[in-house]
Every structure is written in structure tokens, then in C-alpha cells.
Amino acid sequence: MKTMMATLLATIGWVTPALAATGAVVKGTSILIILFLGFVALIVVFQFIPGLVLFLSMLKGVFTTSPKKVSVTEEKK
């Protein structure tokens, strides 16, 4: 048991600096981030267009006058 614990602690002590290393320095933005942001922008644009059409339809309904209703007695005259 003592040998196994010593081996485990030695392995963890040897591997820990490798896990803490930062690796290569990233310069700029990766292509995956650009593609992801482009995809999100497409979703926003494709949701904006139906919302704009709905808003304009609502404005049209608010500002147009409805046709006058003619009663049955007025039609016969």
C-alpha cells in the first residue's frame, strides 16, 4: 500500500507542472469563434425580419381606417 501511494504521489508531482503550463500563446481570434459569431448574427437577422414585418403590419392596422358598415335599411333606400 505504501509503495502504491508513493508511486501515485510521485506521478501526481511529476505531472502537475505539465497541467499548469499555459502552452502556446494564441494570437488573434480563431476561425471557430468567427464562425460562431457569424452564426449568431444570422440567427439575429433572421429573427429581426419577421419581427419587422409584424411590426409594420401592426402599424398599418392601427393607422388605416376601417370601411363603414352599411345597415340593411340604408341599402334599400
N, C-alpha and C. Protein backbone atom coordinates (compact mmCIF):
# COMPACT_ATOMS: atom_id res chain seq x y z
N MET A 1 0.83 -1.19 0.00
CA MET A 1 0.00 0.00 0.00
C MET A 1 0.87 1.25 0.00
N LYS A 2 1.97 1.21 0.81
CA LYS A 2 2.86 2.37 0.87
C LYS A 2 3.54 2.60 -0.47
N THR A 3 3.86 1.53 -1.17
CA THR A 3 4.52 1.64 -2.47
C THR A 3 3.57 2.26 -3.49
N MET A 4 2.31 1.83 -3.44
CA MET A 4 1.34 2.37 -4.37
C MET A 4 1.10 3.85 -4.11
N MET A 5 1.00 4.27 -2.86
CA MET A 5 0.80 5.67 -2.52
C MET A 5 2.02 6.50 -2.93
N ALA A 6 3.19 5.99 -2.72
CA ALA A 6 4.41 6.70 -3.10
C ALA A 6 4.46 6.86 -4.62
N THR A 7 4.10 5.81 -5.35
CA THR A 7 4.09 5.88 -6.81
C THR A 7 3.05 6.89 -7.29
N LEU A 8 1.88 6.88 -6.71
CA LEU A 8 0.82 7.80 -7.08
C LEU A 8 1.22 9.25 -6.80
N LEU A 9 1.79 9.50 -5.63
CA LEU A 9 2.23 10.86 -5.30
C LEU A 9 3.37 11.32 -6.19
N ALA A 10 4.26 10.45 -6.54
CA ALA A 10 5.36 10.80 -7.43
C ALA A 10 4.83 11.12 -8.83
N THR A 11 3.85 10.35 -9.29
CA THR A 11 3.26 10.61 -10.60
C THR A 11 2.52 11.93 -10.61
N ILE A 12 1.73 12.21 -9.57
CA ILE A 12 1.00 13.47 -9.49
C ILE A 12 1.97 14.64 -9.40
N GLY A 13 3.03 14.49 -8.63
CA GLY A 13 4.02 15.56 -8.51
C GLY A 13 4.76 15.81 -9.81
N TRP A 14 4.94 14.78 -10.60
CA TRP A 14 5.65 14.91 -11.87
C TRP A 14 4.75 15.50 -12.96
N VAL A 15 3.45 15.20 -12.93
CA VAL A 15 2.51 15.63 -13.96
C VAL A 15 1.98 17.04 -13.70
N THR A 16 1.92 17.49 -12.47
CA THR A 16 1.31 18.77 -12.12
C THR A 16 1.91 19.96 -12.87
N PRO A 17 3.22 20.10 -13.02
CA PRO A 17 3.73 21.24 -13.79
C PRO A 17 3.28 21.23 -15.26
N ALA A 18 3.10 20.04 -15.82
CA ALA A 18 2.63 19.97 -17.20
C ALA A 18 1.19 20.43 -17.31
N LEU A 19 0.37 20.16 -16.32
CA LEU A 19 -1.02 20.60 -16.34
C LEU A 19 -1.14 22.11 -16.14
N ALA A 20 -0.17 22.69 -15.43
CA ALA A 20 -0.22 24.12 -15.16
C ALA A 20 0.40 24.95 -16.28
N ALA A 21 1.03 24.32 -17.25
CA ALA A 21 1.67 25.05 -18.34
C ALA A 21 0.62 25.74 -19.20
N THR A 22 0.93 26.92 -19.69
CA THR A 22 -0.04 27.68 -20.48
C THR A 22 -0.06 27.23 -21.93
N GLY A 23 0.98 26.66 -22.42
CA GLY A 23 1.02 26.22 -23.81
C GLY A 23 1.37 27.36 -24.74
N ALA A 24 0.97 27.24 -25.98
CA ALA A 24 1.29 28.25 -26.98
C ALA A 24 0.42 29.49 -26.77
N VAL A 25 0.98 30.62 -27.10
CA VAL A 25 0.25 31.88 -26.98
C VAL A 25 -0.65 32.03 -28.21
N VAL A 26 -1.92 32.30 -27.97
CA VAL A 26 -2.87 32.47 -29.06
C VAL A 26 -2.85 33.92 -29.49
N LYS A 27 -2.66 34.13 -30.79
CA LYS A 27 -2.63 35.49 -31.32
C LYS A 27 -3.85 35.69 -32.20
N GLY A 28 -4.69 36.65 -31.87
CA GLY A 28 -5.85 36.93 -32.68
C GLY A 28 -7.02 36.02 -32.34
N THR A 29 -8.02 36.07 -33.18
CA THR A 29 -9.24 35.29 -32.98
C THR A 29 -9.23 34.08 -33.89
N SER A 30 -9.63 32.95 -33.35
CA SER A 30 -9.63 31.73 -34.16
C SER A 30 -10.80 31.73 -35.12
N ILE A 31 -10.71 30.90 -36.12
CA ILE A 31 -11.76 30.80 -37.15
C ILE A 31 -13.04 30.25 -36.56
N LEU A 32 -12.96 29.40 -35.54
CA LEU A 32 -14.17 28.85 -34.92
C LEU A 32 -14.98 29.92 -34.21
N ILE A 33 -14.30 30.85 -33.57
CA ILE A 33 -15.01 31.94 -32.90
C ILE A 33 -15.67 32.85 -33.92
N ILE A 34 -14.99 33.12 -35.01
CA ILE A 34 -15.57 33.95 -36.07
C ILE A 34 -16.80 33.26 -36.67
N LEU A 35 -16.72 31.96 -36.93
CA LEU A 35 -17.87 31.23 -37.46
C LEU A 35 -19.03 31.21 -36.48
N PHE A 36 -18.74 31.04 -35.20
CA PHE A 36 -19.79 31.04 -34.19
C PHE A 36 -20.47 32.40 -34.11
N LEU A 37 -19.71 33.47 -34.11
CA LEU A 37 -20.30 34.81 -34.06
C LEU A 37 -21.11 35.10 -35.32
N GLY A 38 -20.64 34.62 -36.47
CA GLY A 38 -21.40 34.77 -37.71
C GLY A 38 -22.71 34.02 -37.66
N PHE A 39 -22.71 32.83 -37.09
CA PHE A 39 -23.93 32.04 -36.95
C PHE A 39 -24.93 32.73 -36.04
N VAL A 40 -24.45 33.29 -34.93
CA VAL A 40 -25.32 34.03 -34.02
C VAL A 40 -25.89 35.26 -34.71
N ALA A 41 -25.07 35.95 -35.51
CA ALA A 41 -25.55 37.12 -36.24
C ALA A 41 -26.63 36.74 -37.24
N LEU A 42 -26.48 35.59 -37.90
CA LEU A 42 -27.51 35.13 -38.83
C LEU A 42 -28.82 34.84 -38.11
N ILE A 43 -28.75 34.25 -36.94
CA ILE A 43 -29.96 33.97 -36.17
C ILE A 43 -30.65 35.28 -35.81
N VAL A 44 -29.89 36.28 -35.38
CA VAL A 44 -30.48 37.57 -35.02
C VAL A 44 -31.13 38.22 -36.23
N VAL A 45 -30.46 38.20 -37.38
CA VAL A 45 -31.02 38.82 -38.58
C VAL A 45 -32.29 38.10 -39.02
N PHE A 46 -32.27 36.77 -39.01
CA PHE A 46 -33.43 36.02 -39.47
C PHE A 46 -34.60 36.13 -38.49
N GLN A 47 -34.36 36.49 -37.25
CA GLN A 47 -35.45 36.74 -36.32
C GLN A 47 -35.92 38.20 -36.40
N PHE A 48 -35.05 39.08 -36.85
CA PHE A 48 -35.39 40.50 -36.96
C PHE A 48 -36.35 40.76 -38.11
N ILE A 49 -36.18 40.07 -39.21
CA ILE A 49 -37.01 40.29 -40.40
C ILE A 49 -38.49 39.97 -40.13
N PRO A 50 -38.86 38.81 -39.58
CA PRO A 50 -40.28 38.58 -39.29
C PRO A 50 -40.83 39.54 -38.23
N GLY A 51 -40.00 39.93 -37.28
CA GLY A 51 -40.44 40.89 -36.28
C GLY A 51 -40.73 42.24 -36.89
N LEU A 52 -39.91 42.65 -37.84
CA LEU A 52 -40.12 43.92 -38.53
C LEU A 52 -41.39 43.87 -39.38
N VAL A 53 -41.63 42.76 -40.06
CA VAL A 53 -42.85 42.62 -40.86
C VAL A 53 -44.09 42.66 -39.96
N LEU A 54 -44.03 42.00 -38.82
CA LEU A 54 -45.14 42.00 -37.88
C LEU A 54 -45.39 43.40 -37.33
N PHE A 55 -44.33 44.13 -37.02
CA PHE A 55 -44.45 45.48 -36.50
C PHE A 55 -45.07 46.41 -37.55
N LEU A 56 -44.63 46.29 -38.79
CA LEU A 56 -45.19 47.13 -39.85
C LEU A 56 -46.66 46.78 -40.11
N SER A 57 -47.02 45.53 -40.03
CA SER A 57 -48.42 45.14 -40.18
C SER A 57 -49.27 45.71 -39.06
N MET A 58 -48.71 45.73 -37.86
CA MET A 58 -49.43 46.31 -36.74
C MET A 58 -49.65 47.81 -36.94
N LEU A 59 -48.62 48.50 -37.40
CA LEU A 59 -48.76 49.94 -37.66
C LEU A 59 -49.78 50.20 -38.76
N LYS A 60 -49.79 49.38 -39.78
CA LYS A 60 -50.76 49.52 -40.86
C LYS A 60 -52.17 49.33 -40.32
N GLY A 61 -52.37 48.36 -39.46
CA GLY A 61 -53.68 48.12 -38.88
C GLY A 61 -54.13 49.25 -37.97
N VAL A 62 -53.20 49.88 -37.29
CA VAL A 62 -53.55 50.96 -36.38
C VAL A 62 -53.92 52.22 -37.15
N PHE A 63 -53.22 52.53 -38.21
CA PHE A 63 -53.40 53.80 -38.90
C PHE A 63 -54.33 53.75 -40.11
N THR A 64 -54.85 52.61 -40.48
CA THR A 64 -55.81 52.57 -41.58
C THR A 64 -57.22 52.64 -41.02
N THR A 65 -58.11 53.20 -41.80
CA THR A 65 -59.49 53.29 -41.35
C THR A 65 -60.26 52.08 -41.85
N SER A 66 -61.18 51.65 -41.03
CA SER A 66 -61.98 50.50 -41.44
C SER A 66 -63.15 51.00 -42.30
N PRO A 67 -63.61 50.19 -43.24
CA PRO A 67 -64.73 50.62 -44.08
C PRO A 67 -66.01 50.76 -43.24
N LYS A 68 -66.82 51.73 -43.62
CA LYS A 68 -68.06 51.95 -42.87
C LYS A 68 -69.02 50.79 -43.10
N LYS A 69 -69.68 50.40 -42.04
CA LYS A 69 -70.66 49.32 -42.15
C LYS A 69 -72.00 49.96 -42.54
N VAL A 70 -72.58 49.43 -43.57
CA VAL A 70 -73.87 49.94 -44.05
C VAL A 70 -74.97 49.08 -43.48
N SER A 71 -75.93 49.70 -42.86
CA SER A 71 -77.04 48.93 -42.29
C SER A 71 -77.97 48.46 -43.40
N VAL A 72 -78.80 47.50 -43.10
CA VAL A 72 -79.70 46.90 -44.06
C VAL A 72 -80.75 47.93 -44.52
N THR A 73 -81.21 48.78 -43.64
CA THR A 73 -82.24 49.77 -44.02
C THR A 73 -81.70 50.82 -44.96
N GLU A 74 -80.43 51.17 -44.85
CA GLU A 74 -79.86 52.17 -45.73
C GLU A 74 -79.63 51.60 -47.13
N GLU A 75 -79.40 50.31 -47.25
CA GLU A 75 -79.18 49.69 -48.55
C GLU A 75 -80.44 49.72 -49.40
N LYS A 76 -81.60 49.58 -48.81
CA LYS A 76 -82.86 49.50 -49.54
C LYS A 76 -83.30 50.86 -50.07
N LYS A 77 -82.83 51.92 -49.53
CA LYS A 77 -83.25 53.25 -49.98
C LYS A 77 -82.68 53.63 -51.27
